[in-house]
Amino acid sequence: MKRKPGRPPEPVPAHHADSLVAWISDGKPLREWCRQPGHPEWRTVYHWMDKDPQFAARIARAREDGYDELAEKAMRIAFDPCNDQVEVTQRRLQVDTILKLLAKWNPRKYGDRQQLDHSGGVNIVLKTNVPDPQGD
């Protein structure tokens, strides 16, 4: 097995990995986590994901959990009683924003269905007034 030239990839620090996975699982954005003091830049996190498939898989799973958390948050906002029309409008905007983001981030689960399924066959009979040379 031939080794790639250059420095070996640095392992993902466990305390950062666990903290980030928990953060994203709560439906919070990666860049917000990175803005906190003592945390690496978002580019570093993407570099870690490129170099460590297990870490990338943990982040992917955390994002799925985060999407579900955001969907539950939208439901809580929608079903919480409102006091006036202004609050209704504000909550509608919040719920719509969350749902639109979810549809973009995970269209299979949260997007509108765009695919048309067809079952069975299609028979096409072409009739012309041109005589068949074989006599059929």
C-alpha atoms as a PDB file:
ATOM      1  CA  MET A   1       0.000   0.000   0.000  1.00  0.00           C
ATOM      2  CA  LYS A   2       1.531   3.269  -1.101  1.00  0.00           C
ATOM      3  CA  ARG A   3       1.383   6.195   1.309  1.00  0.00           C
ATOM      4  CA  LYS A   4       0.353   9.629   0.195  1.00  0.00           C
ATOM      5  CA  PRO A   5       3.044  12.297   0.385  1.00  0.00           C
ATOM      6  CA  GLY A   6       2.778  15.006   3.002  1.00  0.00           C
ATOM      7  CA  ARG A   7       1.805  15.160   6.624  1.00  0.00           C
ATOM      8  CA  PRO A   8      -0.607  12.550   7.936  1.00  0.00           C
ATOM      9  CA  PRO A   9      -4.041  13.935   8.733  1.00  0.00           C
ATOM     10  CA  GLU A  10      -4.472  15.214  12.249  1.00  0.00           C
ATOM     11  CA  PRO A  11      -7.090  13.325  14.236  1.00  0.00           C
ATOM     12  CA  VAL A  12     -10.250  15.153  15.209  1.00  0.00           C
ATOM     13  CA  PRO A  13      -9.991  16.195  18.866  1.00  0.00           C
ATOM     14  CA  ALA A  14     -12.506  14.067  20.745  1.00  0.00           C
ATOM     15  CA  HIS A  15     -13.834  16.906  22.902  1.00  0.00           C
ATOM     16  CA  HIS A  16     -14.534  19.024  19.814  1.00  0.00           C
ATOM     17  CA  ALA A  17     -16.086  16.103  17.929  1.00  0.00           C
ATOM     18  CA  ASP A  18     -18.469  15.163  20.746  1.00  0.00           C
ATOM     19  CA  SER A  19     -19.419  18.775  21.418  1.00  0.00           C
ATOM     20  CA  LEU A  20     -20.064  19.496  17.741  1.00  0.00           C
ATOM     21  CA  VAL A  21     -22.125  16.341  17.181  1.00  0.00           C
ATOM     22  CA  ALA A  22     -24.311  17.187  20.195  1.00  0.00           C
ATOM     23  CA  TRP A  23     -24.685  20.788  18.982  1.00  0.00           C
ATOM     24  CA  ILE A  24     -25.755  19.811  15.466  1.00  0.00           C
ATOM     25  CA  SER A  25     -28.105  17.118  16.820  1.00  0.00           C
ATOM     26  CA  ASP A  26     -29.978  19.895  18.611  1.00  0.00           C
ATOM     27  CA  GLY A  27     -30.710  21.548  15.252  1.00  0.00           C
ATOM     28  CA  LYS A  28     -28.165  24.324  15.679  1.00  0.00           C
ATOM     29  CA  PRO A  29     -25.929  25.503  12.823  1.00  0.00           C
ATOM     30  CA  LEU A  30     -22.279  24.499  12.469  1.00  0.00           C
ATOM     31  CA  ARG A  31     -21.026  28.042  11.949  1.00  0.00           C
ATOM     32  CA  GLU A  32     -22.682  29.234  15.149  1.00  0.00           C
ATOM     33  CA  TRP A  33     -20.758  26.548  17.051  1.00  0.00           C
ATOM     34  CA  CYS A  34     -17.537  27.622  15.322  1.00  0.00           C
ATOM     35  CA  ARG A  35     -18.025  31.268  16.374  1.00  0.00           C
ATOM     36  CA  GLN A  36     -17.759  30.360  20.034  1.00  0.00           C
ATOM     37  CA  PRO A  37     -14.414  31.057  21.759  1.00  0.00           C
ATOM     38  CA  GLY A  38     -11.969  28.156  21.633  1.00  0.00           C
ATOM     39  CA  HIS A  39     -13.656  26.400  18.714  1.00  0.00           C
ATOM     40  CA  PRO A  40     -12.050  25.898  15.302  1.00  0.00           C
ATOM     41  CA  GLU A  41     -13.159  27.590  12.087  1.00  0.00           C
ATOM     42  CA  TRP A  42     -15.845  25.951   9.969  1.00  0.00           C
ATOM     43  CA  ARG A  43     -13.254  25.246   7.261  1.00  0.00           C
ATOM     44  CA  THR A  44     -11.315  23.133   9.751  1.00  0.00           C
ATOM     45  CA  VAL A  45     -14.426  21.100  10.545  1.00  0.00           C
ATOM     46  CA  TYR A  46     -14.997  20.434   6.833  1.00  0.00           C
ATOM     47  CA  HIS A  47     -11.329  19.449   6.517  1.00  0.00           C
ATOM     48  CA  TRP A  48     -11.828  16.980   9.370  1.00  0.00           C
ATOM     49  CA  MET A  49     -14.866  15.540   7.605  1.00  0.00           C
ATOM     50  CA  ASP A  50     -12.855  15.123   4.378  1.00  0.00           C
ATOM     51  CA  LYS A  51     -10.069  13.299   6.197  1.00  0.00           C
ATOM     52  CA  ASP A  52     -12.092  11.201   8.669  1.00  0.00           C
ATOM     53  CA  PRO A  53     -15.017   9.208   7.213  1.00  0.00           C
ATOM     54  CA  GLN A  54     -16.219   8.128  10.663  1.00  0.00           C
ATOM     55  CA  PHE A  55     -16.425  11.738  11.828  1.00  0.00           C
ATOM     56  CA  ALA A  56     -18.225  12.680   8.600  1.00  0.00           C
ATOM     57  CA  ALA A  57     -20.748   9.894   9.222  1.00  0.00           C
ATOM     58  CA  ARG A  58     -21.328  11.135  12.789  1.00  0.00           C
ATOM     59  CA  ILE A  59     -21.941  14.659  11.487  1.00  0.00           C
ATOM     60  CA  ALA A  60     -24.332  13.347   8.815  1.00  0.00           C
ATOM     61  CA  ARG A  61     -26.301  11.434  11.453  1.00  0.00           C
ATOM     62  CA  ALA A  62     -26.297  14.480  13.734  1.00  0.00           C
ATOM     63  CA  ARG A  63     -27.690  16.597  10.892  1.00  0.00           C
ATOM     64  CA  GLU A  64     -30.541  14.108  10.400  1.00  0.00           C
ATOM     65  CA  ASP A  65     -31.309  14.305  14.114  1.00  0.00           C
ATOM     66  CA  GLY A  66     -31.074  18.100  13.941  1.00  0.00           C
ATOM     67  CA  TYR A  67     -33.576  18.216  11.092  1.00  0.00           C
ATOM     68  CA  ASP A  68     -36.032  16.202  13.180  1.00  0.00           C
ATOM     69  CA  GLU A  69     -35.440  18.572  16.104  1.00  0.00           C
ATOM     70  CA  LEU A  70     -36.194  21.565  13.873  1.00  0.00           C
ATOM     71  CA  ALA A  71     -39.401  19.913  12.653  1.00  0.00           C
ATOM     72  CA  GLU A  72     -40.477  19.336  16.256  1.00  0.00           C
ATOM     73  CA  LYS A  73     -39.628  22.964  17.045  1.00  0.00           C
ATOM     74  CA  ALA A  74     -41.874  24.110  14.193  1.00  0.00           C
ATOM     75  CA  MET A  75     -44.703  22.004  15.622  1.00  0.00           C
ATOM     76  CA  ARG A  76     -44.205  23.488  19.109  1.00  0.00           C
ATOM     77  CA  ILE A  77     -44.293  27.004  17.670  1.00  0.00           C
ATOM     78  CA  ALA A  78     -47.392  26.245  15.611  1.00  0.00           C
ATOM     79  CA  PHE A  79     -49.410  24.692  18.449  1.00  0.00           C
ATOM     80  CA  ASP A  80     -48.470  27.145  21.198  1.00  0.00           C
ATOM     81  CA  PRO A  81     -51.440  29.491  21.876  1.00  0.00           C
ATOM     82  CA  CYS A  82     -51.110  33.065  20.598  1.00  0.00           C
ATOM     83  CA  ASN A  83     -52.270  36.284  22.233  1.00  0.00           C
ATOM     84  CA  ASP A  84     -52.840  38.510  19.211  1.00  0.00           C
ATOM     85  CA  GLN A  85     -52.672  38.685  15.420  1.00  0.00           C
ATOM     86  CA  VAL A  86     -49.120  40.060  15.432  1.00  0.00           C
ATOM     87  CA  GLU A  87     -47.913  36.995  17.307  1.00  0.00           C
ATOM     88  CA  VAL A  88     -49.793  34.721  14.889  1.00  0.00           C
ATOM     89  CA  THR A  89     -48.059  36.388  11.934  1.00  0.00           C
ATOM     90  CA  GLN A  90     -44.643  36.145  13.582  1.00  0.00           C
ATOM     91  CA  ARG A  91     -45.086  32.460  14.378  1.00  0.00           C
ATOM     92  CA  ARG A  92     -46.344  31.714  10.879  1.00  0.00           C
ATOM     93  CA  LEU A  93     -43.157  33.295   9.513  1.00  0.00           C
ATOM     94  CA  GLN A  94     -41.014  31.233  11.898  1.00  0.00           C
ATOM     95  CA  VAL A  95     -42.739  27.968  10.992  1.00  0.00           C
ATOM     96  CA  ASP A  96     -42.642  28.721   7.250  1.00  0.00           C
ATOM     97  CA  THR A  97     -38.930  29.551   7.433  1.00  0.00           C
ATOM     98  CA  ILE A  98     -38.109  26.339   9.285  1.00  0.00           C
ATOM     99  CA  LEU A  99     -40.169  24.221   6.888  1.00  0.00           C
ATOM    100  CA  LYS A 100     -38.635  25.842   3.799  1.00  0.00           C
ATOM    101  CA  LEU A 101     -35.126  25.271   5.123  1.00  0.00           C
ATOM    102  CA  LEU A 102     -35.935  21.648   5.938  1.00  0.00           C
ATOM    103  CA  ALA A 103     -37.314  21.139   2.426  1.00  0.00           C
ATOM    104  CA  LYS A 104     -34.043  22.455   0.956  1.00  0.00           C
ATOM    105  CA  TRP A 105     -31.725  20.611   3.324  1.00  0.00           C
ATOM    106  CA  ASN A 106     -33.544  17.272   3.234  1.00  0.00           C
ATOM    107  CA  PRO A 107     -35.980  17.236   0.294  1.00  0.00           C
ATOM    108  CA  ARG A 108     -36.630  13.492   0.472  1.00  0.00           C
ATOM    109  CA  LYS A 109     -38.035  13.695   3.966  1.00  0.00           C
ATOM    110  CA  TYR A 110     -39.379  17.244   4.230  1.00  0.00           C
ATOM    111  CA  GLY A 111     -39.837  18.429   0.649  1.00  0.00           C
ATOM    112  CA  ASP A 112     -42.917  18.336  -1.506  1.00  0.00           C
ATOM    113  CA  ARG A 113     -43.195  15.159  -3.507  1.00  0.00           C
ATOM    114  CA  GLN A 114     -42.179  15.898  -7.085  1.00  0.00           C
ATOM    115  CA  GLN A 115     -41.979  12.385  -8.509  1.00  0.00           C
ATOM    116  CA  LEU A 116     -44.751  10.679 -10.423  1.00  0.00           C
ATOM    117  CA  ASP A 117     -44.844   6.894 -10.040  1.00  0.00           C
ATOM    118  CA  HIS A 118     -46.342   4.779 -12.765  1.00  0.00           C
ATOM    119  CA  SER A 119     -47.238   1.151 -12.468  1.00  0.00           C
ATOM    120  CA  GLY A 120     -48.487  -1.127 -15.173  1.00  0.00           C
ATOM    121  CA  GLY A 121     -47.799  -1.006 -18.847  1.00  0.00           C
ATOM    122  CA  VAL A 122     -48.565   1.184 -21.777  1.00  0.00           C
ATOM    123  CA  ASN A 123     -49.802  -0.274 -25.038  1.00  0.00           C
ATOM    124  CA  ILE A 124     -49.585   1.800 -28.160  1.00  0.00           C
ATOM    125  CA  VAL A 125     -51.348   0.711 -31.319  1.00  0.00           C
ATOM    126  CA  LEU A 126     -50.402   2.692 -34.362  1.00  0.00           C
ATOM    127  CA  LYS A 127     -52.893   2.581 -37.202  1.00  0.00           C
ATOM    128  CA  THR A 128     -52.198   4.143 -40.543  1.00  0.00           C
ATOM    129  CA  ASN A 129     -53.859   3.957 -43.910  1.00  0.00           C
ATOM    130  CA  VAL A 130     -50.627   2.799 -45.476  1.00  0.00           C
ATOM    131  CA  PRO A 131     -50.810  -0.845 -46.667  1.00  0.00           C
ATOM    132  CA  ASP A 132     -48.407  -3.282 -45.007  1.00  0.00           C
ATOM    133  CA  PRO A 133     -46.020  -4.796 -47.566  1.00  0.00           C
ATOM    134  CA  GLN A 134     -46.025  -8.148 -45.692  1.00  0.00           C
ATOM    135  CA  GLY A 135     -49.793  -8.340 -45.672  1.00  0.00           C
ATOM    136  CA  ASP A 136     -50.249  -8.356 -41.881  1.00  0.00           C
END
